[in-house]
C-alpha atoms as a PDB file:
ATOM      1  CA  UNK A   1     120.202 -33.730 115.479  1.00  0.00           C
ATOM      2  CA  UNK A   2     117.162 -31.759 114.095  1.00  0.00           C
ATOM      3  CA  UNK A   3     113.803 -32.605 115.555  1.00  0.00           C
ATOM      4  CA  UNK A   4     111.425 -33.864 112.884  1.00  0.00           C
ATOM      5  CA  UNK A   5     108.347 -33.304 115.038  1.00  0.00           C
ATOM      6  CA  UNK A   6     108.038 -31.042 118.068  1.00  0.00           C
ATOM      7  CA  UNK A   7     105.549 -32.046 120.765  1.00  0.00           C
ATOM      8  CA  UNK A   8     103.766 -28.957 122.121  1.00  0.00           C
ATOM      9  CA  UNK A   9     101.692 -30.862 124.707  1.00  0.00           C
ATOM     10  CA  UNK A  10     102.277 -29.667 128.264  1.00  0.00           C
ATOM     11  CA  UNK A  11     103.710 -32.562 130.306  1.00  0.00           C
ATOM     12  CA  UNK A  12     102.233 -31.032 133.445  1.00  0.00           C
ATOM     13  CA  UNK A  13      98.581 -30.449 132.548  1.00  0.00           C
ATOM     14  CA  UNK A  14      98.224 -31.687 128.979  1.00  0.00           C
ATOM     15  CA  UNK A  15      97.446 -28.212 127.602  1.00  0.00           C
ATOM     16  CA  UNK A  16      98.834 -26.751 124.398  1.00  0.00           C
ATOM     17  CA  UNK A  17     102.050 -24.860 125.036  1.00  0.00           C
ATOM     18  CA  UNK A  18     102.943 -21.637 123.216  1.00  0.00           C
ATOM     19  CA  UNK A  19     106.268 -20.804 121.616  1.00  0.00           C
ATOM     20  CA  UNK A  20     108.111 -17.672 122.787  1.00  0.00           C
ATOM     21  CA  UNK A  21     110.681 -16.940 120.051  1.00  0.00           C
ATOM     22  CA  UNK A  22     112.413 -14.178 122.037  1.00  0.00           C
ATOM     23  CA  UNK A  23     113.047 -16.406 125.123  1.00  0.00           C
ATOM     24  CA  UNK A  24     113.380 -19.556 123.000  1.00  0.00           C
ATOM     25  CA  UNK A  25     110.984 -21.389 125.350  1.00  0.00           C
ATOM     26  CA  UNK A  26     107.726 -23.266 125.317  1.00  0.00           C
ATOM     27  CA  UNK A  27     105.230 -22.122 127.944  1.00  0.00           C
ATOM     28  CA  UNK A  28     101.873 -23.509 128.999  1.00  0.00           C
ATOM     29  CA  UNK A  29      99.299 -20.703 129.426  1.00  0.00           C
ATOM     30  CA  UNK A  30      97.205 -22.956 131.682  1.00  0.00           C
ATOM     31  CA  UNK A  31      99.594 -24.170 134.376  1.00  0.00           C
ATOM     32  CA  UNK A  32     102.632 -22.009 133.703  1.00  0.00           C
ATOM     33  CA  UNK A  33     104.975 -24.930 132.902  1.00  0.00           C
ATOM     34  CA  UNK A  34     107.968 -23.724 130.875  1.00  0.00           C
ATOM     35  CA  UNK A  35     110.660 -25.580 128.908  1.00  0.00           C
ATOM     36  CA  UNK A  36     113.823 -24.285 127.241  1.00  0.00           C
ATOM     37  CA  UNK A  37     114.146 -25.194 123.567  1.00  0.00           C
ATOM     38  CA  UNK A  38     117.278 -26.367 121.906  1.00  0.00           C
ATOM     39  CA  UNK A  39     118.484 -24.545 118.754  1.00  0.00           C
ATOM     40  CA  UNK A  40     117.282 -27.360 116.617  1.00  0.00           C
ATOM     41  CA  UNK A  41     113.774 -27.046 118.064  1.00  0.00           C
ATOM     42  CA  UNK A  42     113.695 -23.280 117.327  1.00  0.00           C
ATOM     43  CA  UNK A  43     114.889 -23.811 113.792  1.00  0.00           C
ATOM     44  CA  UNK A  44     112.146 -26.386 113.300  1.00  0.00           C
ATOM     45  CA  UNK A  45     109.432 -23.953 114.427  1.00  0.00           C
ATOM     46  CA  UNK A  46     110.757 -21.125 112.264  1.00  0.00           C
ATOM     47  CA  UNK A  47     111.059 -23.458 109.300  1.00  0.00           C
ATOM     48  CA  UNK A  48     107.471 -24.538 109.743  1.00  0.00           C
ATOM     49  CA  UNK A  49     106.295 -20.922 110.007  1.00  0.00           C
ATOM     50  CA  UNK A  50     108.268 -19.999 106.886  1.00  0.00           C
ATOM     51  CA  UNK A  51     106.932 -23.012 105.017  1.00  0.00           C
ATOM     52  CA  UNK A  52     103.376 -22.128 106.030  1.00  0.00           C
ATOM     53  CA  UNK A  53     103.788 -18.481 104.878  1.00  0.00           C
ATOM     54  CA  UNK A  54     105.440 -19.595 101.665  1.00  0.00           C
ATOM     55  CA  UNK A  55     102.571 -21.951 100.975  1.00  0.00           C
ATOM     56  CA  UNK A  56     100.050 -19.143 101.497  1.00  0.00           C
ATOM     57  CA  UNK A  57     101.970 -16.857  99.136  1.00  0.00           C
ATOM     58  CA  UNK A  58     102.236 -19.588  96.514  1.00  0.00           C
ATOM     59  CA  UNK A  59      98.536 -20.342  96.797  1.00  0.00           C
ATOM     60  CA  UNK A  60      97.671 -16.651  96.389  1.00  0.00           C
ATOM     61  CA  UNK A  61     100.015 -16.380  93.430  1.00  0.00           C
ATOM     62  CA  UNK A  62      98.431 -19.393  91.747  1.00  0.00           C
ATOM     63  CA  UNK A  63      94.930 -17.978  92.355  1.00  0.00           C
ATOM     64  CA  UNK A  64      96.002 -14.635  90.864  1.00  0.00           C
ATOM     65  CA  UNK A  65      97.482 -16.408  87.825  1.00  0.00           C
ATOM     66  CA  UNK A  66      94.252 -18.362  87.313  1.00  0.00           C
ATOM     67  CA  UNK A  67      92.218 -15.114  87.553  1.00  0.00           C
ATOM     68  CA  UNK A  68      94.474 -13.430  84.981  1.00  0.00           C
ATOM     69  CA  UNK A  69      94.164 -16.420  82.641  1.00  0.00           C
ATOM     70  CA  UNK A  70      90.350 -16.299  82.950  1.00  0.00           C
ATOM     71  CA  UNK A  71      90.371 -12.530  82.305  1.00  0.00           C
ATOM     72  CA  UNK A  72      92.594 -12.899  79.233  1.00  0.00           C
ATOM     73  CA  UNK A  73      90.395 -15.664  77.961  1.00  0.00           C
ATOM     74  CA  UNK A  74      87.259 -13.500  78.468  1.00  0.00           C
ATOM     75  CA  UNK A  75      88.844 -10.537  76.704  1.00  0.00           C
ATOM     76  CA  UNK A  76      89.915 -12.797  73.844  1.00  0.00           C
ATOM     77  CA  UNK A  77      86.365 -14.076  73.467  1.00  0.00           C
ATOM     78  CA  UNK A  78      84.953 -10.528  73.462  1.00  0.00           C
ATOM     79  CA  UNK A  79      87.569  -9.441  70.914  1.00  0.00           C
ATOM     80  CA  UNK A  80      86.724 -12.383  68.688  1.00  0.00           C
ATOM     81  CA  UNK A  81      83.013 -11.520  68.849  1.00  0.00           C
ATOM     82  CA  UNK A  82      83.694  -7.859  68.038  1.00  0.00           C
ATOM     83  CA  UNK A  83      85.958  -8.803  65.135  1.00  0.00           C
ATOM     84  CA  UNK A  84      83.333 -11.199  63.835  1.00  0.00           C
ATOM     85  CA  UNK A  85      80.619  -8.521  63.991  1.00  0.00           C
ATOM     86  CA  UNK A  86      82.912  -5.950  62.397  1.00  0.00           C
ATOM     87  CA  UNK A  87      83.829  -8.390  59.640  1.00  0.00           C
ATOM     88  CA  UNK A  88      80.162  -9.141  58.979  1.00  0.00           C
ATOM     89  CA  UNK A  89      79.265  -5.435  58.946  1.00  0.00           C
ATOM     90  CA  UNK A  90      82.186  -4.623  56.665  1.00  0.00           C
ATOM     91  CA  UNK A  91      81.249  -7.448  54.306  1.00  0.00           C
ATOM     92  CA  UNK A  92      77.657  -6.158  54.193  1.00  0.00           C
ATOM     93  CA  UNK A  93      78.951  -2.626  53.731  1.00  0.00           C
ATOM     94  CA  UNK A  94      81.145  -3.712  50.808  1.00  0.00           C
ATOM     95  CA  UNK A  95      78.200  -5.471  49.185  1.00  0.00           C
ATOM     96  CA  UNK A  96      76.122  -2.254  49.225  1.00  0.00           C
ATOM     97  CA  UNK A  97      76.470  -0.125  46.101  1.00  0.00           C
ATOM     98  CA  UNK A  98      77.988   3.340  46.634  1.00  0.00           C
ATOM     99  CA  UNK A  99      75.474   6.082  45.784  1.00  0.00           C
ATOM    100  CA  UNK A 100      75.643   9.880  45.729  1.00  0.00           C
ATOM    101  CA  UNK A 101      72.278  10.693  47.353  1.00  0.00           C
ATOM    102  CA  UNK A 102      72.360  14.345  46.285  1.00  0.00           C
ATOM    103  CA  UNK A 103      72.304  13.523  42.594  1.00  0.00           C
ATOM    104  CA  UNK A 104      68.631  12.565  43.010  1.00  0.00           C
ATOM    105  CA  UNK A 105      67.304  15.727  44.688  1.00  0.00           C
ATOM    106  CA  UNK A 106      66.699  19.397  43.988  1.00  0.00           C
ATOM    107  CA  UNK A 107      66.397  21.974  46.777  1.00  0.00           C
ATOM    108  CA  UNK A 108      64.478  25.140  45.994  1.00  0.00           C
ATOM    109  CA  UNK A 109      63.668  28.210  48.084  1.00  0.00           C
ATOM    110  CA  UNK A 110      60.567  30.381  48.010  1.00  0.00           C
ATOM    111  CA  UNK A 111      58.934  33.178  49.950  1.00  0.00           C
ATOM    112  CA  UNK A 112      60.172  36.473  51.322  1.00  0.00           C
ATOM    113  CA  UNK A 113      63.554  36.737  53.029  1.00  0.00           C
ATOM    114  CA  UNK A 114      63.136  36.222  56.768  1.00  0.00           C
ATOM    115  CA  UNK A 115      60.155  33.955  56.151  1.00  0.00           C
ATOM    116  CA  UNK A 116      61.484  31.760  53.351  1.00  0.00           C
ATOM    117  CA  UNK A 117      60.883  28.026  52.964  1.00  0.00           C
ATOM    118  CA  UNK A 118      63.082  25.203  51.645  1.00  0.00           C
ATOM    119  CA  UNK A 119      61.381  22.609  49.455  1.00  0.00           C
ATOM    120  CA  UNK A 120      63.103  19.302  48.637  1.00  0.00           C
ATOM    121  CA  UNK A 121      62.053  17.238  45.631  1.00  0.00           C
ATOM    122  CA  UNK A 122      63.296  13.692  44.967  1.00  0.00           C
ATOM    123  CA  UNK A 123      63.833  12.708  41.361  1.00  0.00           C
ATOM    124  CA  UNK A 124      63.679   9.230  39.848  1.00  0.00           C
ATOM    125  CA  UNK A 125      66.681   7.307  38.527  1.00  0.00           C
ATOM    126  CA  UNK A 126      66.316   6.823  34.781  1.00  0.00           C
ATOM    127  CA  UNK A 127      68.731   3.865  34.804  1.00  0.00           C
ATOM    128  CA  UNK A 128      66.631   1.973  37.337  1.00  0.00           C
ATOM    129  CA  UNK A 129      69.735   0.917  39.283  1.00  0.00           C
ATOM    130  CA  UNK A 130      68.894   3.031  42.334  1.00  0.00           C
ATOM    131  CA  UNK A 131      65.541   3.566  44.030  1.00  0.00           C
ATOM    132  CA  UNK A 132      65.708   7.106  45.501  1.00  0.00           C
ATOM    133  CA  UNK A 133      62.614   6.338  47.588  1.00  0.00           C
ATOM    134  CA  UNK A 134      64.853   4.124  49.764  1.00  0.00           C
ATOM    135  CA  UNK A 135      66.940   7.141  50.724  1.00  0.00           C
ATOM    136  CA  UNK A 136      65.745   9.436  53.523  1.00  0.00           C
ATOM    137  CA  UNK A 137      66.574  13.136  53.645  1.00  0.00           C
ATOM    138  CA  UNK A 138      66.483  15.663  56.505  1.00  0.00           C
ATOM    139  CA  UNK A 139      66.548  19.415  55.808  1.00  0.00           C
ATOM    140  CA  UNK A 140      67.657  21.776  58.602  1.00  0.00           C
ATOM    141  CA  UNK A 141      66.484  24.480  58.879  1.00  0.00           C
ATOM    142  CA  UNK A 142      63.485  24.327  56.582  1.00  0.00           C
ATOM    143  CA  UNK A 143      61.511  27.467  57.485  1.00  0.00           C
ATOM    144  CA  UNK A 144      62.026  31.137  58.409  1.00  0.00           C
ATOM    145  CA  UNK A 145      64.946  31.419  56.006  1.00  0.00           C
ATOM    146  CA  UNK A 146      66.713  34.582  54.894  1.00  0.00           C
ATOM    147  CA  UNK A 147      68.736  35.217  51.764  1.00  0.00           C
ATOM    148  CA  UNK A 148      72.279  33.891  52.254  1.00  0.00           C
ATOM    149  CA  UNK A 149      71.414  31.429  55.054  1.00  0.00           C
ATOM    150  CA  UNK A 150      73.002  27.966  55.090  1.00  0.00           C
ATOM    151  CA  UNK A 151      70.775  24.871  54.873  1.00  0.00           C
ATOM    152  CA  UNK A 152      72.176  21.382  55.568  1.00  0.00           C
ATOM    153  CA  UNK A 153      70.649  18.275  53.966  1.00  0.00           C
ATOM    154  CA  UNK A 154      71.508  14.913  55.584  1.00  0.00           C
ATOM    155  CA  UNK A 155      70.894  11.599  53.784  1.00  0.00           C
ATOM    156  CA  UNK A 156      70.524   8.087  55.250  1.00  0.00           C
ATOM    157  CA  UNK A 157      69.695   4.642  53.875  1.00  0.00           C
ATOM    158  CA  UNK A 158      69.799   0.990  54.930  1.00  0.00           C
ATOM    159  CA  UNK A 159      69.969  -0.139  51.295  1.00  0.00           C
ATOM    160  CA  UNK A 160      72.878   1.885  49.927  1.00  0.00           C
ATOM    161  CA  UNK A 161      76.312   3.043  50.935  1.00  0.00           C
ATOM    162  CA  UNK A 162      75.892   6.833  50.719  1.00  0.00           C
ATOM    163  CA  UNK A 163      78.781   9.134  49.928  1.00  0.00           C
ATOM    164  CA  UNK A 164      78.696  11.961  50.949  1.00  0.00           C
ATOM    165  CA  UNK A 165      76.197  11.920  53.805  1.00  0.00           C
ATOM    166  CA  UNK A 166      75.638  15.702  54.062  1.00  0.00           C
ATOM    167  CA  UNK A 167      75.583  18.677  51.748  1.00  0.00           C
ATOM    168  CA  UNK A 168      75.259  22.399  52.482  1.00  0.00           C
ATOM    169  CA  UNK A 169      73.149  24.716  50.313  1.00  0.00           C
ATOM    170  CA  UNK A 170      73.043  28.527  50.318  1.00  0.00           C
ATOM    171  CA  UNK A 171      69.601  30.149  50.325  1.00  0.00           C
ATOM    172  CA  UNK A 172      69.079  32.216  47.172  1.00  0.00           C
ATOM    173  CA  UNK A 173      66.215  33.543  45.101  1.00  0.00           C
ATOM    174  CA  UNK A 174      63.997  34.754  47.946  1.00  0.00           C
ATOM    175  CA  UNK A 175      61.923  37.877  47.461  1.00  0.00           C
ATOM    176  CA  UNK A 176      63.015  40.943  49.417  1.00  0.00           C
ATOM    177  CA  UNK A 177      60.931  43.728  50.879  1.00  0.00           C
ATOM    178  CA  UNK A 178      61.367  46.951  48.955  1.00  0.00           C
ATOM    179  CA  UNK A 179      64.022  49.054  50.682  1.00  0.00           C
ATOM    180  CA  UNK A 180      65.047  51.507  47.944  1.00  0.00           C
ATOM    181  CA  UNK A 181      62.567  53.622  45.979  1.00  0.00           C
ATOM    182  CA  UNK A 182      65.357  54.769  43.689  1.00  0.00           C
ATOM    183  CA  UNK A 183      65.993  51.203  42.530  1.00  0.00           C
ATOM    184  CA  UNK A 184      62.497  50.843  41.015  1.00  0.00           C
ATOM    185  CA  UNK A 185      62.375  50.906  37.241  1.00  0.00           C
ATOM    186  CA  UNK A 186      59.900  53.182  35.474  1.00  0.00           C
ATOM    187  CA  UNK A 187      57.938  50.081  34.488  1.00  0.00           C
ATOM    188  CA  UNK A 188      57.650  49.044  38.118  1.00  0.00           C
ATOM    189  CA  UNK A 189      56.528  52.548  39.131  1.00  0.00           C
ATOM    190  CA  UNK A 190      53.932  52.541  36.357  1.00  0.00           C
ATOM    191  CA  UNK A 191      52.642  49.166  37.552  1.00  0.00           C
ATOM    192  CA  UNK A 192      52.146  50.563  41.074  1.00  0.00           C
ATOM    193  CA  UNK A 193      50.372  53.691  39.754  1.00  0.00           C
ATOM    194  CA  UNK A 194      48.022  51.560  37.645  1.00  0.00           C
ATOM    195  CA  UNK A 195      47.055  49.674  40.787  1.00  0.00           C
ATOM    196  CA  UNK A 196      46.660  52.904  42.772  1.00  0.00           C
ATOM    197  CA  UNK A 197      44.398  54.514  40.114  1.00  0.00           C
ATOM    198  CA  UNK A 198      41.526  52.208  41.078  1.00  0.00           C
ATOM    199  CA  UNK A 199      41.803  53.008  44.798  1.00  0.00           C
ATOM    200  CA  UNK A 200      42.169  56.760  44.194  1.00  0.00           C
ATOM    201  CA  UNK A 201      39.021  56.732  42.078  1.00  0.00           C
ATOM    202  CA  UNK A 202      37.105  55.215  44.991  1.00  0.00           C
ATOM    203  CA  UNK A 203      38.449  57.829  47.411  1.00  0.00           C
ATOM    204  CA  UNK A 204      37.624  60.930  45.343  1.00  0.00           C
ATOM    205  CA  UNK A 205      34.229  59.767  44.076  1.00  0.00           C
ATOM    206  CA  UNK A 206      32.997  58.225  47.312  1.00  0.00           C
ATOM    207  CA  UNK A 207      29.783  58.973  49.116  1.00  0.00           C
ATOM    208  CA  UNK A 208      29.319  62.524  50.375  1.00  0.00           C
ATOM    209  CA  UNK A 209      30.633  64.458  47.410  1.00  0.00           C
ATOM    210  CA  UNK A 210      28.646  65.724  44.464  1.00  0.00           C
ATOM    211  CA  UNK A 211      31.604  67.446  42.848  1.00  0.00           C
ATOM    212  CA  UNK A 212      33.660  65.566  40.274  1.00  0.00           C
ATOM    213  CA  UNK A 213      37.405  66.005  40.308  1.00  0.00           C
ATOM    214  CA  UNK A 214      38.896  67.842  37.368  1.00  0.00           C
ATOM    215  CA  UNK A 215      41.984  65.654  37.394  1.00  0.00           C
ATOM    216  CA  UNK A 216      44.094  63.256  39.488  1.00  0.00           C
ATOM    217  CA  UNK A 217      47.672  62.191  38.897  1.00  0.00           C
ATOM    218  CA  UNK A 218      50.630  60.620  40.779  1.00  0.00           C
ATOM    219  CA  UNK A 219      52.552  63.315  42.595  1.00  0.00           C
ATOM    220  CA  UNK A 220      55.120  61.674  44.886  1.00  0.00           C
ATOM    221  CA  UNK A 221      55.980  58.346  46.531  1.00  0.00           C
ATOM    222  CA  UNK A 222      57.021  57.867  50.143  1.00  0.00           C
ATOM    223  CA  UNK A 223      58.622  54.668  51.476  1.00  0.00           C
ATOM    224  CA  UNK A 224      59.047  53.961  55.178  1.00  0.00           C
ATOM    225  CA  UNK A 225      61.325  50.986  55.878  1.00  0.00           C
ATOM    226  CA  UNK A 226      63.338  49.404  58.667  1.00  0.00           C
ATOM    227  CA  UNK A 227      65.757  48.233  55.982  1.00  0.00           C
ATOM    228  CA  UNK A 228      64.952  44.560  56.423  1.00  0.00           C
ATOM    229  CA  UNK A 229      61.602  43.011  57.305  1.00  0.00           C
ATOM    230  CA  UNK A 230      59.021  45.779  57.147  1.00  0.00           C
ATOM    231  CA  UNK A 231      58.002  48.624  54.868  1.00  0.00           C
ATOM    232  CA  UNK A 232      55.071  50.682  53.663  1.00  0.00           C
ATOM    233  CA  UNK A 233      54.893  52.392  50.286  1.00  0.00           C
ATOM    234  CA  UNK A 234      52.664  55.467  50.053  1.00  0.00           C
ATOM    235  CA  UNK A 235      51.576  56.486  46.557  1.00  0.00           C
ATOM    236  CA  UNK A 236      50.442  60.136  46.831  1.00  0.00           C
ATOM    237  CA  UNK A 237      48.103  61.589  44.218  1.00  0.00           C
ATOM    238  CA  UNK A 238      47.391  65.237  43.546  1.00  0.00           C
ATOM    239  CA  UNK A 239      43.658  65.750  42.952  1.00  0.00           C
ATOM    240  CA  UNK A 240      42.225  68.986  41.555  1.00  0.00           C
ATOM    241  CA  UNK A 241      38.633  70.050  42.079  1.00  0.00           C
ATOM    242  CA  UNK A 242      36.892  72.897  40.236  1.00  0.00           C
ATOM    243  CA  UNK A 243      36.412  76.093  42.194  1.00  0.00           C
ATOM    244  CA  UNK A 244      33.239  78.126  41.912  1.00  0.00           C
ATOM    245  CA  UNK A 245      34.944  81.139  40.400  1.00  0.00           C
ATOM    246  CA  UNK A 246      37.160  79.080  38.103  1.00  0.00           C
ATOM    247  CA  UNK A 247      40.520  77.480  38.706  1.00  0.00           C
ATOM    248  CA  UNK A 248      40.935  74.435  40.917  1.00  0.00           C
ATOM    249  CA  UNK A 249      41.535  73.473  44.522  1.00  0.00           C
ATOM    250  CA  UNK A 250      44.340  71.030  45.426  1.00  0.00           C
ATOM    251  CA  UNK A 251      43.822  67.981  47.624  1.00  0.00           C
ATOM    252  CA  UNK A 252      46.034  64.910  48.194  1.00  0.00           C
ATOM    253  CA  UNK A 253      44.945  61.266  48.264  1.00  0.00           C
ATOM    254  CA  UNK A 254      47.343  58.672  49.686  1.00  0.00           C
ATOM    255  CA  UNK A 255      47.204  54.968  48.782  1.00  0.00           C
ATOM    256  CA  UNK A 256      49.456  52.718  50.865  1.00  0.00           C
ATOM    257  CA  UNK A 257      50.861  49.221  50.317  1.00  0.00           C
ATOM    258  CA  UNK A 258      51.920  47.359  53.465  1.00  0.00           C
ATOM    259  CA  UNK A 259      55.036  45.140  53.242  1.00  0.00           C
ATOM    260  CA  UNK A 260      55.358  45.520  49.497  1.00  0.00           C
ATOM    261  CA  UNK A 261      57.609  43.270  47.421  1.00  0.00           C
ATOM    262  CA  UNK A 262      58.410  44.336  43.861  1.00  0.00           C
ATOM    263  CA  UNK A 263      59.915  41.827  41.459  1.00  0.00           C
ATOM    264  CA  UNK A 264      61.490  44.304  39.077  1.00  0.00           C
ATOM    265  CA  UNK A 265      61.927  42.146  35.987  1.00  0.00           C
ATOM    266  CA  UNK A 266      61.138  42.848  32.333  1.00  0.00           C
ATOM    267  CA  UNK A 267      57.500  42.487  33.324  1.00  0.00           C
ATOM    268  CA  UNK A 268      57.402  43.697  36.973  1.00  0.00           C
ATOM    269  CA  UNK A 269      55.082  42.101  39.508  1.00  0.00           C
ATOM    270  CA  UNK A 270      54.380  42.908  43.132  1.00  0.00           C
ATOM    271  CA  UNK A 271      52.846  41.482  46.268  1.00  0.00           C
ATOM    272  CA  UNK A 272      51.797  43.211  49.476  1.00  0.00           C
ATOM    273  CA  UNK A 273      50.025  42.531  52.733  1.00  0.00           C
ATOM    274  CA  UNK A 274      47.260  45.133  52.393  1.00  0.00           C
ATOM    275  CA  UNK A 275      46.339  48.301  50.502  1.00  0.00           C
ATOM    276  CA  UNK A 276      43.952  51.169  51.253  1.00  0.00           C
ATOM    277  CA  UNK A 277      43.651  54.919  50.918  1.00  0.00           C
ATOM    278  CA  UNK A 278      44.340  56.851  54.073  1.00  0.00           C
ATOM    279  CA  UNK A 279      43.806  60.383  55.311  1.00  0.00           C
ATOM    280  CA  UNK A 280      41.325  62.667  56.990  1.00  0.00           C
ATOM    281  CA  UNK A 281      37.805  63.598  56.037  1.00  0.00           C
ATOM    282  CA  UNK A 282      38.244  67.013  54.428  1.00  0.00           C
ATOM    283  CA  UNK A 283      36.329  69.344  52.153  1.00  0.00           C
ATOM    284  CA  UNK A 284      36.925  68.858  48.492  1.00  0.00           C
ATOM    285  CA  UNK A 285      36.961  72.651  47.991  1.00  0.00           C
ATOM    286  CA  UNK A 286      34.948  75.711  48.948  1.00  0.00           C
ATOM    287  CA  UNK A 287      32.116  75.118  51.475  1.00  0.00           C
ATOM    288  CA  UNK A 288      29.592  76.419  48.976  1.00  0.00           C
ATOM    289  CA  UNK A 289      29.781  73.072  47.220  1.00  0.00           C
ATOM    290  CA  UNK A 290      29.663  70.970  50.382  1.00  0.00           C
ATOM    291  CA  UNK A 291      31.767  68.138  48.991  1.00  0.00           C
ATOM    292  CA  UNK A 292      33.960  65.880  51.164  1.00  0.00           C
ATOM    293  CA  UNK A 293      36.693  63.314  50.574  1.00  0.00           C
ATOM    294  CA  UNK A 294      39.333  61.252  52.436  1.00  0.00           C
ATOM    295  CA  UNK A 295      42.710  62.876  51.997  1.00  0.00           C
ATOM    296  CA  UNK A 296      44.859  65.860  52.973  1.00  0.00           C
ATOM    297  CA  UNK A 297      44.768  69.585  52.282  1.00  0.00           C
ATOM    298  CA  UNK A 298      48.546  69.733  51.779  1.00  0.00           C
ATOM    299  CA  UNK A 299      51.498  67.436  51.132  1.00  0.00           C
ATOM    300  CA  UNK A 300      52.969  68.607  54.424  1.00  0.00           C
ATOM    301  CA  UNK A 301      49.878  67.332  56.266  1.00  0.00           C
ATOM    302  CA  UNK A 302      50.131  63.997  54.443  1.00  0.00           C
ATOM    303  CA  UNK A 303      53.810  63.496  55.302  1.00  0.00           C
ATOM    304  CA  UNK A 304      53.303  64.471  58.949  1.00  0.00           C
ATOM    305  CA  UNK A 305      50.405  62.018  59.312  1.00  0.00           C
ATOM    306  CA  UNK A 306      52.430  59.210  57.722  1.00  0.00           C
ATOM    307  CA  UNK A 307      55.311  59.684  60.179  1.00  0.00           C
ATOM    308  CA  UNK A 308      52.934  59.987  63.133  1.00  0.00           C
ATOM    309  CA  UNK A 309      51.522  56.509  62.484  1.00  0.00           C
ATOM    310  CA  UNK A 310      54.832  54.569  62.435  1.00  0.00           C
ATOM    311  CA  UNK A 311      55.046  51.872  65.123  1.00  0.00           C
ATOM    312  CA  UNK A 312      58.822  51.370  64.798  1.00  0.00           C
ATOM    313  CA  UNK A 313      61.942  53.273  63.872  1.00  0.00           C
ATOM    314  CA  UNK A 314      62.042  53.712  60.100  1.00  0.00           C
ATOM    315  CA  UNK A 315      63.655  55.835  57.438  1.00  0.00           C
ATOM    316  CA  UNK A 316      61.548  57.857  54.992  1.00  0.00           C
ATOM    317  CA  UNK A 317      62.404  57.933  51.295  1.00  0.00           C
ATOM    318  CA  UNK A 318      60.860  60.227  48.690  1.00  0.00           C
ATOM    319  CA  UNK A 319      60.509  59.846  44.937  1.00  0.00           C
ATOM    320  CA  UNK A 320      58.843  62.517  42.846  1.00  0.00           C
ATOM    321  CA  UNK A 321      56.553  61.419  40.064  1.00  0.00           C
ATOM    322  CA  UNK A 322      57.410  62.356  36.520  1.00  0.00           C
ATOM    323  CA  UNK A 323      55.428  65.287  35.169  1.00  0.00           C
END
């Protein structure tokens, strides 16, 4: 008959006896008393140990299930909150009118290539349905632009649903430094000579000379350029002074234009960084007159001096003046 309850109290000393499953005995660790267990007693102990382990496993399983249920419930709450926020944002988004922000702006470019600037202007809406002032625009890049560069305009607004949000513009219309003397029209050349006439007059009639020039006229143009961001145009004049015995002595006056830009249209215009006549202090003619001027005795001297004063690698172009 199976034992319902096994007494583990030591009959010898009253201590708590320990079960040895291998020997199938109960032994008191205090007095050494030992008893042999019947099969039914062993089965009872093993059943109790199994039941205890099973209870622990079931308790752990129930705790794990409760944790999973709490986690699922938390995730469901978070998902519901996210869906609610998304629904509210979408509803607000749908209520906003759709606007093309780039239909209210113009983007223009000005300046010289390499140092150009982008200028954005916002226009009004004639219908009154959209207030362009409630749309913000960002232009990148805005400065130091060159012809052909790409400029991106980004629009944003809390009042309107904007579509599209960005637009790319190509930089056009910038002035370019003169890089080809041969491309100048005769009108553009004449415009430059008209400007040079004033400076040449100052050079040949300056202080220190009492002799008036017989004539002065454009002779040749030189252009030094790096092909991109720098140039100097030299307008060379041939000046003739009377000689004592008749005839005339030749001298050359050079007027230069630093970083010149020529807008060669029907009515050409130009801009430049600086202009001045350049050269050496030389005699106007025979020493008997004692006149002096700033210039060169020969065209060869003028050309050599121009090349000697270049601070970077450049090419030299030549254009003869019309007779």
